[in-house]
Protein backbone atom coordinates (compact mmCIF):
# COMPACT_ATOMS: atom_id res chain seq x y z
CA MET A 1 -5.56 2.54 1.07
CA SER A 2 -2.96 4.87 2.53
CA VAL A 3 -0.30 3.52 4.85
CA THR A 4 2.45 5.64 6.39
CA ALA A 5 5.43 3.92 7.94
CA VAL A 6 7.95 6.69 8.56
CA ALA A 7 7.81 9.11 11.48
CA GLU A 8 7.01 12.67 10.48
CA PRO A 9 9.45 15.50 11.30
CA THR A 10 8.64 17.38 14.48
CA PRO A 11 9.19 21.07 15.24
CA GLY A 12 12.53 21.90 16.77
CA ILE A 13 15.98 22.93 15.73
CA ALA A 14 16.22 23.50 12.00
CA GLY A 15 16.96 20.26 10.19
CA ASP A 16 16.05 18.10 13.19
CA ALA A 17 13.47 15.35 12.77
CA ALA A 18 11.95 12.76 15.03
CA PRO A 19 13.85 9.47 14.88
CA ILE A 20 12.37 6.73 12.72
CA VAL A 21 10.75 4.23 15.06
CA PRO A 22 11.45 0.58 14.18
CA ALA A 23 8.46 -1.36 12.93
CA ILE A 24 9.25 -4.13 15.43
CA ALA A 25 11.89 -4.16 18.15
CA VAL A 26 12.59 -7.36 20.11
CA HIS A 27 14.79 -7.04 23.21
CA ASP A 28 16.26 -9.96 25.20
CA VAL A 29 13.32 -12.26 24.49
CA SER A 30 13.45 -15.88 25.61
CA HIS A 31 10.64 -18.42 25.59
CA ALA A 32 10.41 -22.02 26.76
CA TYR A 33 7.88 -24.84 26.55
CA GLY A 34 8.53 -26.51 29.85
CA ALA A 35 12.18 -27.51 29.85
CA ARG A 36 12.61 -26.94 26.11
CA LYS A 37 13.95 -23.51 25.17
CA ALA A 38 12.42 -22.32 21.90
CA LEU A 39 14.00 -18.84 21.89
CA GLN A 40 17.10 -17.68 23.74
CA ASP A 41 18.04 -14.03 24.26
CA ILE A 42 16.57 -12.80 20.99
CA ASN A 43 17.42 -9.24 19.94
CA LEU A 44 16.34 -7.98 16.54
CA THR A 45 14.91 -4.94 14.78
CA VAL A 46 12.55 -4.84 11.82
CA PRO A 47 13.04 -1.49 10.07
CA ALA A 48 10.14 0.64 8.88
CA SER A 49 9.17 0.57 5.21
CA ARG A 50 11.37 -2.41 4.32
CA PHE A 51 11.06 -6.09 3.52
CA THR A 52 12.74 -8.13 6.26
CA ALA A 53 13.27 -11.85 5.73
CA LEU A 54 13.36 -14.01 8.86
CA LEU A 55 15.29 -16.97 7.50
CA GLY A 56 15.47 -20.25 9.36
CA LEU A 57 14.99 -24.00 9.02
CA ASN A 58 11.80 -25.61 10.27
CA GLY A 59 12.04 -25.69 14.05
CA ALA A 60 14.26 -22.60 14.28
CA GLY A 61 11.72 -20.73 16.42
CA LYS A 62 10.09 -18.54 13.76
CA THR A 63 6.51 -19.45 14.66
CA THR A 64 7.17 -19.03 18.39
CA LEU A 65 8.55 -15.55 17.73
CA PHE A 66 5.47 -14.69 15.64
CA SER A 67 3.21 -15.95 18.40
CA LEU A 68 4.92 -13.59 20.85
CA ILE A 69 4.79 -10.61 18.49
CA THR A 70 1.07 -11.16 17.90
CA ARG A 71 0.46 -11.90 21.60
CA LEU A 72 -0.88 -15.39 21.09
CA TYR A 73 1.66 -16.15 23.83
CA ASP A 74 2.59 -13.87 26.70
CA THR A 75 6.18 -12.72 26.77
CA GLN A 76 8.02 -14.73 29.43
CA GLN A 77 11.23 -12.73 29.32
CA GLY A 78 12.23 -9.54 27.52
CA SER A 79 10.07 -7.10 25.58
CA ILE A 80 8.56 -6.58 22.13
CA ASP A 81 7.50 -3.22 20.69
CA VAL A 82 5.44 -2.57 17.56
CA LEU A 83 6.06 0.98 16.32
CA GLY A 84 7.03 1.97 19.85
CA HIS A 85 4.06 0.33 21.59
CA ARG A 86 4.94 -2.41 24.07
CA VAL A 87 2.98 -5.57 23.20
CA SER A 88 2.73 -6.71 26.83
CA ARG A 89 1.79 -3.30 28.23
CA ASP A 90 -0.28 -1.73 25.45
CA PRO A 91 -1.48 -4.64 23.31
CA GLY A 92 -4.44 -2.81 21.76
CA GLU A 93 -2.29 -0.06 20.28
CA ALA A 94 0.46 -2.48 19.25
CA LEU A 95 -1.85 -4.94 17.52
CA ARG A 96 -3.86 -2.19 15.83
CA ARG A 97 -0.73 -1.37 13.84
CA LEU A 98 -0.09 -4.98 12.92
CA GLY A 99 -1.46 -7.14 10.12
CA VAL A 100 -0.91 -10.89 10.48
CA VAL A 101 -0.91 -13.86 8.12
CA PHE A 102 -0.31 -17.12 9.99
CA GLN A 103 1.13 -20.26 8.43
CA ALA A 104 -2.06 -22.21 9.18
CA ARG A 105 -5.11 -21.12 7.21
CA THR A 106 -7.53 -19.11 9.32
CA LEU A 107 -10.36 -18.28 6.93
CA ASP A 108 -13.87 -19.62 7.57
CA LEU A 109 -14.32 -22.02 4.65
CA ASP A 110 -18.11 -22.16 4.90
CA ILE A 111 -18.89 -18.47 4.40
CA SER A 112 -18.16 -16.16 1.51
CA VAL A 113 -14.95 -14.29 0.83
CA MET A 114 -16.73 -10.99 1.50
CA ASP A 115 -18.22 -12.19 4.79
CA ASN A 116 -14.76 -13.27 5.97
CA LEU A 117 -13.49 -9.77 5.32
CA LEU A 118 -16.49 -8.04 6.89
CA TYR A 119 -16.20 -10.14 10.03
CA HIS A 120 -12.54 -9.23 10.40
CA ALA A 121 -13.33 -5.55 9.85
CA ALA A 122 -15.98 -5.66 12.58
CA LEU A 123 -13.40 -7.06 15.02
CA HIS A 124 -11.36 -3.92 14.37
CA GLY A 125 -14.34 -1.65 14.95
CA ILE A 126 -14.74 -0.63 11.31
CA GLY A 127 -18.31 0.39 10.45
CA SER A 128 -20.24 -1.76 7.99
CA ARG A 129 -20.32 0.75 5.13
CA GLU A 130 -16.61 1.55 5.40
CA ALA A 131 -15.81 -2.14 5.85
CA ARG A 132 -17.57 -3.06 2.64
CA ARG A 133 -15.84 -0.25 0.77
CA ARG A 134 -12.42 -1.39 1.98
CA ALA A 135 -13.23 -5.02 1.24
CA GLU A 136 -14.19 -4.18 -2.32
CA VAL A 137 -10.95 -2.25 -2.77
CA VAL A 138 -8.68 -5.01 -1.45
CA LEU A 139 -10.49 -7.70 -3.45
CA ALA A 140 -9.99 -5.64 -6.59
CA ASP A 141 -6.32 -5.24 -5.68
CA ILE A 142 -5.86 -9.03 -5.58
CA ASP A 143 -8.02 -9.67 -8.68
CA LEU A 144 -10.69 -11.55 -6.76
CA ALA A 145 -13.55 -9.04 -6.92
CA ASP A 146 -15.56 -11.52 -9.00
CA ARG A 147 -15.27 -14.18 -6.26
CA ALA A 148 -16.55 -12.02 -3.39
CA ARG A 149 -19.81 -13.97 -2.90
CA GLU A 150 -18.30 -17.44 -3.27
CA GLN A 151 -17.60 -19.78 -0.39
CA VAL A 152 -13.92 -19.70 0.54
CA ARG A 153 -13.63 -23.49 0.13
CA LYS A 154 -14.14 -23.05 -3.63
CA LEU A 155 -10.92 -21.04 -3.95
CA SER A 156 -7.49 -22.45 -4.72
CA GLY A 157 -4.79 -22.44 -2.06
CA GLY A 158 -3.10 -19.45 -3.64
CA GLN A 159 -6.36 -17.51 -3.81
CA MET A 160 -7.08 -18.27 -0.14
CA ARG A 161 -3.66 -16.94 0.82
CA ARG A 162 -4.27 -13.75 -1.19
CA VAL A 163 -7.57 -13.28 0.65
CA GLU A 164 -5.76 -13.69 3.99
CA ILE A 165 -3.29 -10.98 3.01
CA ALA A 166 -6.14 -8.72 1.90
CA ARG A 167 -7.91 -9.37 5.20
CA ALA A 168 -4.77 -8.49 7.14
CA LEU A 169 -4.66 -5.11 5.37
CA LEU A 170 -8.30 -4.11 5.98
CA HIS A 171 -7.53 -2.08 9.11
CA GLN A 172 -4.63 -0.37 7.29
CA PRO A 173 -1.76 -1.60 9.46
CA ARG A 174 1.72 -0.15 9.08
CA VAL A 175 3.42 -3.49 9.76
CA LEU A 176 2.64 -6.86 8.14
CA VAL A 177 4.01 -10.14 9.50
CA LEU A 178 3.70 -13.38 7.54
CA ASP A 179 4.71 -16.82 8.78
CA GLU A 180 5.76 -19.14 5.92
CA PRO A 181 2.98 -17.73 3.70
CA THR A 182 3.88 -19.73 0.57
CA VAL A 183 4.01 -23.20 2.14
CA GLY A 184 2.04 -25.68 0.04
CA LEU A 185 1.51 -23.34 -2.91
CA ASP A 186 2.41 -24.02 -6.52
CA VAL A 187 5.16 -22.00 -8.18
CA ALA A 188 2.82 -19.54 -9.90
CA SER A 189 0.79 -18.85 -6.74
CA LYS A 190 3.94 -18.48 -4.68
CA SER A 191 5.38 -15.96 -7.14
CA ALA A 192 2.15 -13.95 -7.10
CA ILE A 193 2.10 -13.78 -3.29
CA VAL A 194 5.74 -12.67 -3.05
CA ARG A 195 5.17 -10.04 -5.75
CA GLN A 196 2.05 -8.73 -4.03
CA VAL A 197 3.73 -8.33 -0.64
CA ARG A 198 6.85 -6.72 -2.06
CA GLY A 199 4.57 -4.27 -3.85
CA LEU A 200 3.10 -3.22 -0.49
CA VAL A 201 6.59 -2.27 0.71
CA ARG A 202 7.47 -0.41 -2.46
CA GLU A 203 4.17 1.37 -3.11
CA ARG A 204 2.68 1.91 0.36
CA GLY A 205 5.64 1.90 2.74
CA VAL A 206 4.39 -1.11 4.70
CA ALA A 207 7.07 -2.78 6.83
CA VAL A 208 7.08 -6.55 6.25
CA LEU A 209 8.49 -9.36 8.40
CA TRP A 210 8.45 -12.47 6.20
CA ALA A 211 9.37 -15.77 7.85
CA THR A 212 10.63 -18.43 5.46
CA HIS A 213 12.96 -21.38 5.01
CA LEU A 214 13.07 -20.82 1.23
CA LEU A 215 16.12 -18.94 0.01
CA ASP A 216 14.58 -17.93 -3.31
CA GLU A 217 12.18 -15.68 -1.37
CA VAL A 218 15.09 -13.59 -0.05
CA MET A 219 16.41 -10.88 -2.36
CA PRO A 220 19.43 -8.53 -2.46
CA GLY A 221 18.37 -5.30 -0.78
CA ASP A 222 16.29 -7.06 1.87
CA ALA A 223 17.03 -6.89 5.55
CA VAL A 224 17.81 -10.43 6.71
CA ILE A 225 17.66 -12.14 10.10
CA VAL A 226 19.05 -15.68 10.38
CA LEU A 227 17.37 -17.61 13.20
CA HIS A 228 18.66 -21.05 14.16
CA ARG A 229 17.69 -23.23 17.12
CA GLY A 230 16.19 -20.30 18.95
CA ARG A 231 19.10 -17.89 18.48
CA VAL A 232 19.78 -15.01 16.08
CA LEU A 233 23.03 -15.88 14.29
CA ALA A 234 23.18 -12.88 11.96
CA ALA A 235 21.14 -9.78 11.16
CA GLY A 236 21.55 -6.86 8.78
CA ASP A 237 21.34 -5.99 5.12
CA PHE A 238 21.48 -8.91 2.70
CA SER A 239 25.01 -8.07 1.59
CA ASP A 240 26.24 -7.57 5.16
CA VAL A 241 24.98 -11.00 6.24
CA VAL A 242 26.71 -12.64 3.26
CA THR A 243 29.95 -10.75 3.93
CA SER A 244 29.93 -11.47 7.67
CA ALA A 245 29.76 -15.20 6.91
CA ASP A 246 32.71 -14.87 4.50
CA ALA A 247 30.46 -16.18 1.75
CA THR A 248 29.64 -15.23 -1.83
CA ASP A 249 25.86 -15.76 -1.74
CA MET A 250 23.06 -16.21 0.78
CA ARG A 251 22.90 -19.99 0.44
CA SER A 252 26.59 -20.32 1.26
CA ALA A 253 26.22 -17.81 4.09
CA PHE A 254 23.30 -19.71 5.59
CA ILE A 255 25.15 -23.02 5.47
CA ALA A 256 28.26 -21.43 6.97
CA LEU A 257 26.24 -19.90 9.81
CA THR A 258 23.99 -22.84 10.66
CA GLY A 259 25.60 -25.93 9.23
CA GLY A 260 22.22 -26.76 7.70
CA THR A 261 20.81 -26.70 4.20
CA PRO A 262 17.89 -24.30 3.58
CA ASP A 263 14.81 -25.15 1.53
CA ALA A 264 14.36 -28.42 3.46
CA PRO A 265 13.18 -29.43 6.93
CA GLU A 266 15.71 -29.43 9.73
């Protein structure tokens, strides 16, 4: 499954190349539920071909932001682009480039793993023969080829999450967004999910936006965005965020920035 995430050079002056388009660009986005402001003047960029951790306590606004990026909610104020395509103006092109794994499970428990994947492929206009071929490939990639005909409800929580990630990759998106994907999983399943997603960045150039409140899922070398009570408090490379908070590690930086303790509800 080939995924390209970096803009190709274009003809022009020798040595010139087209600029690398951000995977996701959020400009001046605010969102409210009645009188309650969930997001306030959000500006952030998710770079192409990198793992970006969106770090925030429960209630920080991560799920609201994901709902806007995936157009579950209309943008009230500001704009969101996916690989240069405005979500509000050109949603088909934007969403075609996006793979999504929501925090809540969205598989149909009463049909087989394969049928879940084939149904998703049909929604993206993928023909039945090609859909089955892709489904077989992604199931092999996640070591669940032998469970293809089983009902989803017979899988473990970690296996279900792996199927959701495989499903999100069927249409070969260049950007993958995951909202708290390891919530409720045991340590081994959590480690397998993190390893699988990081492999997509390293081996296929997929850009990943990974929302979490768990600091052990954030690694040196990641891009990091700290979201707190609807505002971006810091954004940049892992080391830059730590340095800007005058801290020695990400836990200390997070506490310094937010006054809260990660890895626990707000």
